[in-house]
């Protein structure tokens, strides 16, 4: 039955079908109390496609020739991509002052460093990591790669462009803006090329290991504020995928509100001076230095 707005209301059955379809594709869980949110965020898609109800939209996602592209659009509508440079500074301090020196010692022979920003959104985290590596002064002349992946092609396009406004820079110190950005407009900046040369971006569904394949094993993985979208089984699949992509002794950094309790026993908890992080055990179960 339509609202007085003239827009169709999502029935409980339509909500269940759409929720389960999205979950089956990418593991994102839309809670039962978010029916109205889903309805509101998908209304514009019905208008664009000329559909009159959510049952028609569900059939479009299942059977239309353009279903894959529309499913990506729907997922983008249902998720948020709020982020900014130098987010969660305490953890970044631990990464800079304690994790990076350890990685420098571990990889001194190969002089290679591989870091993955999983669920990188519009790129701020991946570029922040590259800036911290550069700031450390420990990896000059090394082969450094920072890989950013996300399920949204729209935000990846923003990431590749590398241009940002004031909101993205709200936690960035002026000296870092001067060092790592070029001004391209009155309020917009662009990440400088020496940082961009270390960073690549790729599309990836974290629930599907076949997408966004990472060739190298990662020395460190940032997966912050990503698993909040998943239920327990989906989180466990993501963690297994991350585990498989890490070198023994590699570090996993989650968001401050996230932990691995009841999710995975594969990682060991590491108490650093500034923060807690996780680590993939060394082969044989020994603890890394």
C-alpha atoms as a PDB file:
ATOM      1  CA  UNK A   1       0.000   0.000   0.000  1.00  0.00           C
ATOM      2  CA  UNK A   2       1.485   3.368  -0.944  1.00  0.00           C
ATOM      3  CA  UNK A   3       2.436   5.984   1.630  1.00  0.00           C
ATOM      4  CA  UNK A   4       0.861   9.389   1.435  1.00  0.00           C
ATOM      5  CA  UNK A   5       4.145  10.355  -0.214  1.00  0.00           C
ATOM      6  CA  UNK A   6       3.044   8.337  -3.227  1.00  0.00           C
ATOM      7  CA  UNK A   7       6.009   6.026  -2.821  1.00  0.00           C
ATOM      8  CA  UNK A   8       5.506   2.278  -2.402  1.00  0.00           C
ATOM      9  CA  UNK A   9       5.846   0.729   1.035  1.00  0.00           C
ATOM     10  CA  UNK A  10       8.091  -2.284   1.438  1.00  0.00           C
ATOM     11  CA  UNK A  11       6.171  -5.274   2.772  1.00  0.00           C
ATOM     12  CA  UNK A  12       7.664  -7.623   5.351  1.00  0.00           C
ATOM     13  CA  UNK A  13       8.026 -10.313   2.683  1.00  0.00           C
ATOM     14  CA  UNK A  14       9.731  -7.927   0.243  1.00  0.00           C
ATOM     15  CA  UNK A  15      12.104  -6.872   2.998  1.00  0.00           C
ATOM     16  CA  UNK A  16      12.961 -10.489   3.783  1.00  0.00           C
ATOM     17  CA  UNK A  17      13.608 -11.310   0.107  1.00  0.00           C
ATOM     18  CA  UNK A  18      15.805  -8.252  -0.494  1.00  0.00           C
ATOM     19  CA  UNK A  19      17.643  -8.599   2.819  1.00  0.00           C
ATOM     20  CA  UNK A  20      18.450 -12.267   2.188  1.00  0.00           C
ATOM     21  CA  UNK A  21      19.486 -11.586  -1.411  1.00  0.00           C
ATOM     22  CA  UNK A  22      21.948  -8.853  -0.363  1.00  0.00           C
ATOM     23  CA  UNK A  23      23.294 -11.054   2.424  1.00  0.00           C
ATOM     24  CA  UNK A  24      23.813 -13.972   0.061  1.00  0.00           C
ATOM     25  CA  UNK A  25      25.788 -11.789  -2.329  1.00  0.00           C
ATOM     26  CA  UNK A  26      28.130  -9.958   0.007  1.00  0.00           C
ATOM     27  CA  UNK A  27      27.406 -10.951   3.612  1.00  0.00           C
ATOM     28  CA  UNK A  28      26.061  -7.517   4.550  1.00  0.00           C
ATOM     29  CA  UNK A  29      23.355  -8.003   7.149  1.00  0.00           C
ATOM     30  CA  UNK A  30      20.422  -5.597   7.155  1.00  0.00           C
ATOM     31  CA  UNK A  31      18.888  -5.920  10.593  1.00  0.00           C
ATOM     32  CA  UNK A  32      15.163  -6.510  11.038  1.00  0.00           C
ATOM     33  CA  UNK A  33      14.755  -3.043  12.527  1.00  0.00           C
ATOM     34  CA  UNK A  34      16.194  -1.440   9.385  1.00  0.00           C
ATOM     35  CA  UNK A  35      13.295  -2.141   7.034  1.00  0.00           C
ATOM     36  CA  UNK A  36      12.384   1.516   6.816  1.00  0.00           C
ATOM     37  CA  UNK A  37      16.033   2.464   6.196  1.00  0.00           C
ATOM     38  CA  UNK A  38      16.250  -0.063   3.358  1.00  0.00           C
ATOM     39  CA  UNK A  39      12.967   1.168   1.937  1.00  0.00           C
ATOM     40  CA  UNK A  40      14.046   4.810   2.061  1.00  0.00           C
ATOM     41  CA  UNK A  41      17.453   4.162   0.514  1.00  0.00           C
ATOM     42  CA  UNK A  42      16.062   2.021  -2.316  1.00  0.00           C
ATOM     43  CA  UNK A  43      13.165   4.306  -3.255  1.00  0.00           C
ATOM     44  CA  UNK A  44      15.365   6.282  -5.676  1.00  0.00           C
ATOM     45  CA  UNK A  45      16.308   3.064  -7.470  1.00  0.00           C
ATOM     46  CA  UNK A  46      12.667   2.209  -8.124  1.00  0.00           C
ATOM     47  CA  UNK A  47      12.178   5.671  -9.572  1.00  0.00           C
ATOM     48  CA  UNK A  48      15.258   5.396 -11.799  1.00  0.00           C
ATOM     49  CA  UNK A  49      14.205   1.975 -13.089  1.00  0.00           C
ATOM     50  CA  UNK A  50      10.512   2.873 -13.472  1.00  0.00           C
ATOM     51  CA  UNK A  51       9.358   0.162 -11.065  1.00  0.00           C
ATOM     52  CA  UNK A  52       6.211   0.477  -8.979  1.00  0.00           C
ATOM     53  CA  UNK A  53       6.969  -1.831  -6.048  1.00  0.00           C
ATOM     54  CA  UNK A  54       9.768  -3.664  -4.278  1.00  0.00           C
ATOM     55  CA  UNK A  55       8.683  -7.078  -5.564  1.00  0.00           C
ATOM     56  CA  UNK A  56       9.456  -5.844  -9.065  1.00  0.00           C
ATOM     57  CA  UNK A  57      12.794  -4.542  -7.826  1.00  0.00           C
ATOM     58  CA  UNK A  58      13.614  -7.931  -6.298  1.00  0.00           C
ATOM     59  CA  UNK A  59      12.830  -9.646  -9.613  1.00  0.00           C
ATOM     60  CA  UNK A  60      14.985  -7.085 -11.412  1.00  0.00           C
ATOM     61  CA  UNK A  61      17.933  -7.929  -9.113  1.00  0.00           C
ATOM     62  CA  UNK A  62      17.386 -11.646  -9.708  1.00  0.00           C
ATOM     63  CA  UNK A  63      16.741 -11.859 -13.413  1.00  0.00           C
ATOM     64  CA  UNK A  64      17.349  -8.654 -15.396  1.00  0.00           C
ATOM     65  CA  UNK A  65      20.319  -8.473 -17.771  1.00  0.00           C
ATOM     66  CA  UNK A  66      21.600  -5.459 -15.797  1.00  0.00           C
ATOM     67  CA  UNK A  67      21.176  -7.173 -12.434  1.00  0.00           C
ATOM     68  CA  UNK A  68      24.860  -7.244 -11.453  1.00  0.00           C
ATOM     69  CA  UNK A  69      25.357  -3.513 -11.956  1.00  0.00           C
ATOM     70  CA  UNK A  70      22.089  -2.772 -10.154  1.00  0.00           C
ATOM     71  CA  UNK A  71      23.053  -4.999  -7.230  1.00  0.00           C
ATOM     72  CA  UNK A  72      26.265  -3.019  -6.787  1.00  0.00           C
ATOM     73  CA  UNK A  73      24.237   0.193  -6.863  1.00  0.00           C
ATOM     74  CA  UNK A  74      21.820  -1.186  -4.274  1.00  0.00           C
ATOM     75  CA  UNK A  75      24.668  -2.193  -1.960  1.00  0.00           C
ATOM     76  CA  UNK A  76      26.195   1.253  -2.285  1.00  0.00           C
ATOM     77  CA  UNK A  77      22.837   2.736  -1.294  1.00  0.00           C
ATOM     78  CA  UNK A  78      22.597   0.482   1.749  1.00  0.00           C
ATOM     79  CA  UNK A  79      26.082   1.128   3.096  1.00  0.00           C
ATOM     80  CA  UNK A  80      27.826   4.248   4.289  1.00  0.00           C
ATOM     81  CA  UNK A  81      31.352   5.242   3.396  1.00  0.00           C
ATOM     82  CA  UNK A  82      32.133   7.720   6.129  1.00  0.00           C
ATOM     83  CA  UNK A  83      35.887   8.003   6.658  1.00  0.00           C
ATOM     84  CA  UNK A  84      38.690  10.535   6.795  1.00  0.00           C
ATOM     85  CA  UNK A  85      42.468  10.814   6.881  1.00  0.00           C
ATOM     86  CA  UNK A  86      44.340   9.854  10.077  1.00  0.00           C
ATOM     87  CA  UNK A  87      41.287   8.274  11.678  1.00  0.00           C
ATOM     88  CA  UNK A  88      41.815   6.607  15.093  1.00  0.00           C
ATOM     89  CA  UNK A  89      45.177   8.269  15.857  1.00  0.00           C
ATOM     90  CA  UNK A  90      46.088   6.076  18.842  1.00  0.00           C
ATOM     91  CA  UNK A  91      46.109   2.990  16.653  1.00  0.00           C
ATOM     92  CA  UNK A  92      48.022   4.788  13.909  1.00  0.00           C
ATOM     93  CA  UNK A  93      50.601   5.829  16.507  1.00  0.00           C
ATOM     94  CA  UNK A  94      51.033   2.178  17.502  1.00  0.00           C
ATOM     95  CA  UNK A  95      51.359   1.205  13.872  1.00  0.00           C
ATOM     96  CA  UNK A  96      53.986   3.884  13.190  1.00  0.00           C
ATOM     97  CA  UNK A  97      56.050   3.517  16.353  1.00  0.00           C
ATOM     98  CA  UNK A  98      55.821  -0.217  17.023  1.00  0.00           C
ATOM     99  CA  UNK A  99      54.499  -2.227  14.066  1.00  0.00           C
ATOM    100  CA  UNK A 100      56.513  -0.577  11.310  1.00  0.00           C
ATOM    101  CA  UNK A 101      59.878  -1.017  13.129  1.00  0.00           C
ATOM    102  CA  UNK A 102      59.053  -4.708  13.563  1.00  0.00           C
ATOM    103  CA  UNK A 103      58.206  -5.052   9.895  1.00  0.00           C
ATOM    104  CA  UNK A 104      61.408  -3.254   8.971  1.00  0.00           C
ATOM    105  CA  UNK A 105      63.425  -5.839  10.915  1.00  0.00           C
ATOM    106  CA  UNK A 106      61.435  -8.783   9.546  1.00  0.00           C
ATOM    107  CA  UNK A 107      61.744  -7.721   5.923  1.00  0.00           C
ATOM    108  CA  UNK A 108      65.260  -6.258   6.022  1.00  0.00           C
ATOM    109  CA  UNK A 109      66.538  -8.915   3.634  1.00  0.00           C
ATOM    110  CA  UNK A 110      63.828  -8.578   0.976  1.00  0.00           C
ATOM    111  CA  UNK A 111      63.202  -4.849   1.441  1.00  0.00           C
ATOM    112  CA  UNK A 112      59.563  -5.370   0.480  1.00  0.00           C
ATOM    113  CA  UNK A 113      56.525  -4.120   2.365  1.00  0.00           C
ATOM    114  CA  UNK A 114      52.929  -5.055   1.524  1.00  0.00           C
ATOM    115  CA  UNK A 115      49.934  -3.519   3.323  1.00  0.00           C
ATOM    116  CA  UNK A 116      46.221  -4.070   2.616  1.00  0.00           C
ATOM    117  CA  UNK A 117      43.450  -1.605   3.424  1.00  0.00           C
ATOM    118  CA  UNK A 118      40.386  -3.902   3.266  1.00  0.00           C
ATOM    119  CA  UNK A 119      37.123  -2.014   2.811  1.00  0.00           C
ATOM    120  CA  UNK A 120      39.086   1.123   1.995  1.00  0.00           C
ATOM    121  CA  UNK A 121      36.061   3.197   0.961  1.00  0.00           C
ATOM    122  CA  UNK A 122      37.179   6.385  -0.807  1.00  0.00           C
ATOM    123  CA  UNK A 123      40.880   5.825  -0.121  1.00  0.00           C
ATOM    124  CA  UNK A 124      41.653   7.974   2.894  1.00  0.00           C
ATOM    125  CA  UNK A 125      42.888   5.043   4.994  1.00  0.00           C
ATOM    126  CA  UNK A 126      45.119   3.596   2.262  1.00  0.00           C
ATOM    127  CA  UNK A 127      46.734   6.981   1.616  1.00  0.00           C
ATOM    128  CA  UNK A 128      47.097   7.589   5.369  1.00  0.00           C
ATOM    129  CA  UNK A 129      48.988   4.300   5.710  1.00  0.00           C
ATOM    130  CA  UNK A 130      51.278   5.234   2.830  1.00  0.00           C
ATOM    131  CA  UNK A 131      51.955   8.619   4.466  1.00  0.00           C
ATOM    132  CA  UNK A 132      52.827   6.939   7.767  1.00  0.00           C
ATOM    133  CA  UNK A 133      55.242   4.602   6.005  1.00  0.00           C
ATOM    134  CA  UNK A 134      56.837   7.602   4.295  1.00  0.00           C
ATOM    135  CA  UNK A 135      56.935   9.580   7.564  1.00  0.00           C
ATOM    136  CA  UNK A 136      58.756   6.755   9.335  1.00  0.00           C
ATOM    137  CA  UNK A 137      61.809   7.209   7.096  1.00  0.00           C
ATOM    138  CA  UNK A 138      62.470   3.466   7.451  1.00  0.00           C
ATOM    139  CA  UNK A 139      61.559   2.301   3.988  1.00  0.00           C
ATOM    140  CA  UNK A 140      63.368   4.634   1.611  1.00  0.00           C
ATOM    141  CA  UNK A 141      64.484   2.590  -1.391  1.00  0.00           C
ATOM    142  CA  UNK A 142      62.164  -0.298  -0.466  1.00  0.00           C
ATOM    143  CA  UNK A 143      59.546  -1.902  -2.674  1.00  0.00           C
ATOM    144  CA  UNK A 144      56.410  -0.596  -0.933  1.00  0.00           C
ATOM    145  CA  UNK A 145      52.830  -1.377  -1.978  1.00  0.00           C
ATOM    146  CA  UNK A 146      49.590  -0.371  -0.269  1.00  0.00           C
ATOM    147  CA  UNK A 147      46.490  -2.091  -1.671  1.00  0.00           C
ATOM    148  CA  UNK A 148      43.053  -0.624  -1.097  1.00  0.00           C
ATOM    149  CA  UNK A 149      39.978  -2.736  -1.873  1.00  0.00           C
ATOM    150  CA  UNK A 150      36.261  -2.096  -1.578  1.00  0.00           C
ATOM    151  CA  UNK A 151      32.992  -3.525  -2.870  1.00  0.00           C
ATOM    152  CA  UNK A 152      31.838  -0.115  -4.148  1.00  0.00           C
ATOM    153  CA  UNK A 153      33.152   0.890  -7.558  1.00  0.00           C
ATOM    154  CA  UNK A 154      31.840   4.416  -6.987  1.00  0.00           C
ATOM    155  CA  UNK A 155      34.028   5.072  -3.953  1.00  0.00           C
ATOM    156  CA  UNK A 156      36.980   3.369  -5.634  1.00  0.00           C
ATOM    157  CA  UNK A 157      36.728   5.913  -8.430  1.00  0.00           C
ATOM    158  CA  UNK A 158      37.022   8.657  -5.805  1.00  0.00           C
ATOM    159  CA  UNK A 159      39.991   6.873  -4.255  1.00  0.00           C
ATOM    160  CA  UNK A 160      41.814   6.619  -7.564  1.00  0.00           C
ATOM    161  CA  UNK A 161      41.227  10.287  -8.262  1.00  0.00           C
ATOM    162  CA  UNK A 162      42.755  11.145  -4.880  1.00  0.00           C
ATOM    163  CA  UNK A 163      41.034  14.506  -4.473  1.00  0.00           C
ATOM    164  CA  UNK A 164      39.350  15.455  -1.193  1.00  0.00           C
ATOM    165  CA  UNK A 165      37.569  18.276   0.582  1.00  0.00           C
ATOM    166  CA  UNK A 166      37.652  19.657   4.126  1.00  0.00           C
ATOM    167  CA  UNK A 167      35.638  16.838   5.695  1.00  0.00           C
ATOM    168  CA  UNK A 168      38.213  14.228   4.713  1.00  0.00           C
ATOM    169  CA  UNK A 169      40.991  16.382   6.190  1.00  0.00           C
ATOM    170  CA  UNK A 170      39.352  17.253   9.510  1.00  0.00           C
ATOM    171  CA  UNK A 171      41.877  15.201  11.516  1.00  0.00           C
ATOM    172  CA  UNK A 172      44.918  15.964   9.360  1.00  0.00           C
ATOM    173  CA  UNK A 173      47.627  18.182  10.816  1.00  0.00           C
ATOM    174  CA  UNK A 174      48.587  21.254   8.731  1.00  0.00           C
ATOM    175  CA  UNK A 175      52.170  20.047   8.318  1.00  0.00           C
ATOM    176  CA  UNK A 176      50.931  16.801   6.775  1.00  0.00           C
ATOM    177  CA  UNK A 177      48.614  18.692   4.427  1.00  0.00           C
ATOM    178  CA  UNK A 178      51.578  20.789   3.335  1.00  0.00           C
ATOM    179  CA  UNK A 179      53.772  17.725   2.892  1.00  0.00           C
ATOM    180  CA  UNK A 180      51.450  15.270   1.177  1.00  0.00           C
ATOM    181  CA  UNK A 181      48.787  17.246  -0.708  1.00  0.00           C
ATOM    182  CA  UNK A 182      48.622  19.715  -3.581  1.00  0.00           C
ATOM    183  CA  UNK A 183      45.894  22.350  -3.569  1.00  0.00           C
ATOM    184  CA  UNK A 184      43.617  21.966  -6.598  1.00  0.00           C
ATOM    185  CA  UNK A 185      40.925  24.448  -5.599  1.00  0.00           C
ATOM    186  CA  UNK A 186      39.888  26.803  -2.828  1.00  0.00           C
ATOM    187  CA  UNK A 187      38.907  23.958  -0.521  1.00  0.00           C
ATOM    188  CA  UNK A 188      40.132  20.855  -2.286  1.00  0.00           C
ATOM    189  CA  UNK A 189      43.439  19.031  -2.263  1.00  0.00           C
ATOM    190  CA  UNK A 190      44.980  16.127  -4.153  1.00  0.00           C
ATOM    191  CA  UNK A 191      47.311  13.473  -2.753  1.00  0.00           C
ATOM    192  CA  UNK A 192      50.804  14.003  -4.124  1.00  0.00           C
ATOM    193  CA  UNK A 193      52.194  11.628  -6.700  1.00  0.00           C
ATOM    194  CA  UNK A 194      54.949  10.135  -4.541  1.00  0.00           C
ATOM    195  CA  UNK A 195      52.284   8.779  -2.162  1.00  0.00           C
ATOM    196  CA  UNK A 196      49.902   7.808  -4.954  1.00  0.00           C
ATOM    197  CA  UNK A 197      52.666   5.782  -6.613  1.00  0.00           C
ATOM    198  CA  UNK A 198      52.636   3.383  -3.646  1.00  0.00           C
ATOM    199  CA  UNK A 199      48.868   2.889  -3.563  1.00  0.00           C
ATOM    200  CA  UNK A 200      46.622   0.817  -5.847  1.00  0.00           C
ATOM    201  CA  UNK A 201      42.886   0.194  -5.636  1.00  0.00           C
ATOM    202  CA  UNK A 202      40.772  -2.754  -6.727  1.00  0.00           C
ATOM    203  CA  UNK A 203      37.181  -3.920  -6.508  1.00  0.00           C
ATOM    204  CA  UNK A 204      36.650  -6.722  -4.025  1.00  0.00           C
ATOM    205  CA  UNK A 205      33.772  -8.496  -2.331  1.00  0.00           C
ATOM    206  CA  UNK A 206      35.285  -9.661   0.961  1.00  0.00           C
ATOM    207  CA  UNK A 207      32.818 -12.553   1.029  1.00  0.00           C
ATOM    208  CA  UNK A 208      34.099 -13.827  -2.304  1.00  0.00           C
ATOM    209  CA  UNK A 209      37.818 -14.732  -2.297  1.00  0.00           C
ATOM    210  CA  UNK A 210      37.761 -14.910  -6.108  1.00  0.00           C
ATOM    211  CA  UNK A 211      37.298 -11.153  -6.480  1.00  0.00           C
ATOM    212  CA  UNK A 212      40.087  -8.629  -6.102  1.00  0.00           C
ATOM    213  CA  UNK A 213      42.822 -11.231  -5.878  1.00  0.00           C
ATOM    214  CA  UNK A 214      45.920  -9.987  -4.082  1.00  0.00           C
ATOM    215  CA  UNK A 215      49.018 -11.509  -5.621  1.00  0.00           C
ATOM    216  CA  UNK A 216      51.335 -10.951  -2.657  1.00  0.00           C
ATOM    217  CA  UNK A 217      50.924 -11.968   0.964  1.00  0.00           C
ATOM    218  CA  UNK A 218      50.343  -8.985   3.227  1.00  0.00           C
ATOM    219  CA  UNK A 219      52.609  -7.862   6.076  1.00  0.00           C
ATOM    220  CA  UNK A 220      49.800  -5.849   7.652  1.00  0.00           C
ATOM    221  CA  UNK A 221      46.051  -5.581   7.080  1.00  0.00           C
ATOM    222  CA  UNK A 222      43.784  -2.725   8.089  1.00  0.00           C
ATOM    223  CA  UNK A 223      40.154  -3.874   8.256  1.00  0.00           C
ATOM    224  CA  UNK A 224      38.610  -1.160  10.390  1.00  0.00           C
ATOM    225  CA  UNK A 225      34.894  -0.571  10.842  1.00  0.00           C
ATOM    226  CA  UNK A 226      34.083  -2.976   8.025  1.00  0.00           C
ATOM    227  CA  UNK A 227      32.776  -6.046   9.823  1.00  0.00           C
ATOM    228  CA  UNK A 228      30.043  -4.022  11.510  1.00  0.00           C
ATOM    229  CA  UNK A 229      28.020  -4.716   8.373  1.00  0.00           C
ATOM    230  CA  UNK A 230      28.299  -8.517   8.732  1.00  0.00           C
ATOM    231  CA  UNK A 231      26.804 -11.127  11.014  1.00  0.00           C
ATOM    232  CA  UNK A 232      28.955 -13.694  12.812  1.00  0.00           C
ATOM    233  CA  UNK A 233      29.237 -16.291  10.001  1.00  0.00           C
ATOM    234  CA  UNK A 234      30.079 -13.567   7.473  1.00  0.00           C
ATOM    235  CA  UNK A 235      32.677 -12.050   9.823  1.00  0.00           C
ATOM    236  CA  UNK A 236      34.286 -15.444  10.235  1.00  0.00           C
ATOM    237  CA  UNK A 237      34.497 -15.876   6.453  1.00  0.00           C
ATOM    238  CA  UNK A 238      36.144 -12.463   6.098  1.00  0.00           C
ATOM    239  CA  UNK A 239      38.667 -13.243   8.835  1.00  0.00           C
ATOM    240  CA  UNK A 240      39.562 -16.569   7.223  1.00  0.00           C
ATOM    241  CA  UNK A 241      40.074 -14.795   3.905  1.00  0.00           C
ATOM    242  CA  UNK A 242      42.289 -12.172   5.555  1.00  0.00           C
ATOM    243  CA  UNK A 243      44.240 -14.841   7.429  1.00  0.00           C
ATOM    244  CA  UNK A 244      44.974 -16.657   4.174  1.00  0.00           C
ATOM    245  CA  UNK A 245      46.288 -13.436   2.610  1.00  0.00           C
ATOM    246  CA  UNK A 246      48.736 -12.615   5.418  1.00  0.00           C
ATOM    247  CA  UNK A 247      52.334 -13.662   5.942  1.00  0.00           C
ATOM    248  CA  UNK A 248      53.062 -15.526   9.207  1.00  0.00           C
ATOM    249  CA  UNK A 249      53.752 -12.835  11.775  1.00  0.00           C
ATOM    250  CA  UNK A 250      51.677 -10.282   9.855  1.00  0.00           C
ATOM    251  CA  UNK A 251      49.576  -7.749  11.758  1.00  0.00           C
ATOM    252  CA  UNK A 252      45.807  -7.221  11.657  1.00  0.00           C
ATOM    253  CA  UNK A 253      44.363  -3.880  12.777  1.00  0.00           C
ATOM    254  CA  UNK A 254      40.617  -3.664  13.430  1.00  0.00           C
ATOM    255  CA  UNK A 255      38.444  -0.713  14.402  1.00  0.00           C
ATOM    256  CA  UNK A 256      38.472   0.243  18.071  1.00  0.00           C
ATOM    257  CA  UNK A 257      34.953  -1.079  18.567  1.00  0.00           C
ATOM    258  CA  UNK A 258      35.816  -4.446  16.993  1.00  0.00           C
ATOM    259  CA  UNK A 259      37.506  -7.572  18.343  1.00  0.00           C
ATOM    260  CA  UNK A 260      37.852 -11.258  17.532  1.00  0.00           C
ATOM    261  CA  UNK A 261      36.081 -12.651  20.589  1.00  0.00           C
ATOM    262  CA  UNK A 262      33.943 -15.625  19.506  1.00  0.00           C
ATOM    263  CA  UNK A 263      34.976 -14.999  15.890  1.00  0.00           C
ATOM    264  CA  UNK A 264      38.444 -16.442  15.367  1.00  0.00           C
ATOM    265  CA  UNK A 265      41.163 -18.185  17.347  1.00  0.00           C
ATOM    266  CA  UNK A 266      43.585 -18.007  14.427  1.00  0.00           C
ATOM    267  CA  UNK A 267      45.154 -14.712  15.516  1.00  0.00           C
ATOM    268  CA  UNK A 268      47.105 -13.844  18.637  1.00  0.00           C
ATOM    269  CA  UNK A 269      46.500 -10.621  20.550  1.00  0.00           C
ATOM    270  CA  UNK A 270      49.536  -8.331  20.768  1.00  0.00           C
ATOM    271  CA  UNK A 271      49.782  -5.749  23.543  1.00  0.00           C
ATOM    272  CA  UNK A 272      51.630  -2.722  22.226  1.00  0.00           C
ATOM    273  CA  UNK A 273      52.413   0.356  24.287  1.00  0.00           C
ATOM    274  CA  UNK A 274      49.740   2.444  22.573  1.00  0.00           C
ATOM    275  CA  UNK A 275      47.148  -0.100  21.504  1.00  0.00           C
ATOM    276  CA  UNK A 276      46.126  -3.703  20.986  1.00  0.00           C
ATOM    277  CA  UNK A 277      46.503  -5.351  17.604  1.00  0.00           C
ATOM    278  CA  UNK A 278      46.229  -8.903  16.277  1.00  0.00           C
ATOM    279  CA  UNK A 279      48.894 -10.985  14.609  1.00  0.00           C
ATOM    280  CA  UNK A 280      48.952 -14.138  12.518  1.00  0.00           C
ATOM    281  CA  UNK A 281      51.207 -16.551  14.445  1.00  0.00           C
ATOM    282  CA  UNK A 282      54.555 -17.506  13.042  1.00  0.00           C
ATOM    283  CA  UNK A 283      54.804 -20.960  11.494  1.00  0.00           C
ATOM    284  CA  UNK A 284      54.994 -23.525  14.292  1.00  0.00           C
ATOM    285  CA  UNK A 285      53.091 -21.262  16.663  1.00  0.00           C
ATOM    286  CA  UNK A 286      56.044 -19.249  17.929  1.00  0.00           C
ATOM    287  CA  UNK A 287      55.496 -15.637  18.813  1.00  0.00           C
ATOM    288  CA  UNK A 288      56.957 -13.013  16.533  1.00  0.00           C
ATOM    289  CA  UNK A 289      59.262 -10.407  18.134  1.00  0.00           C
END
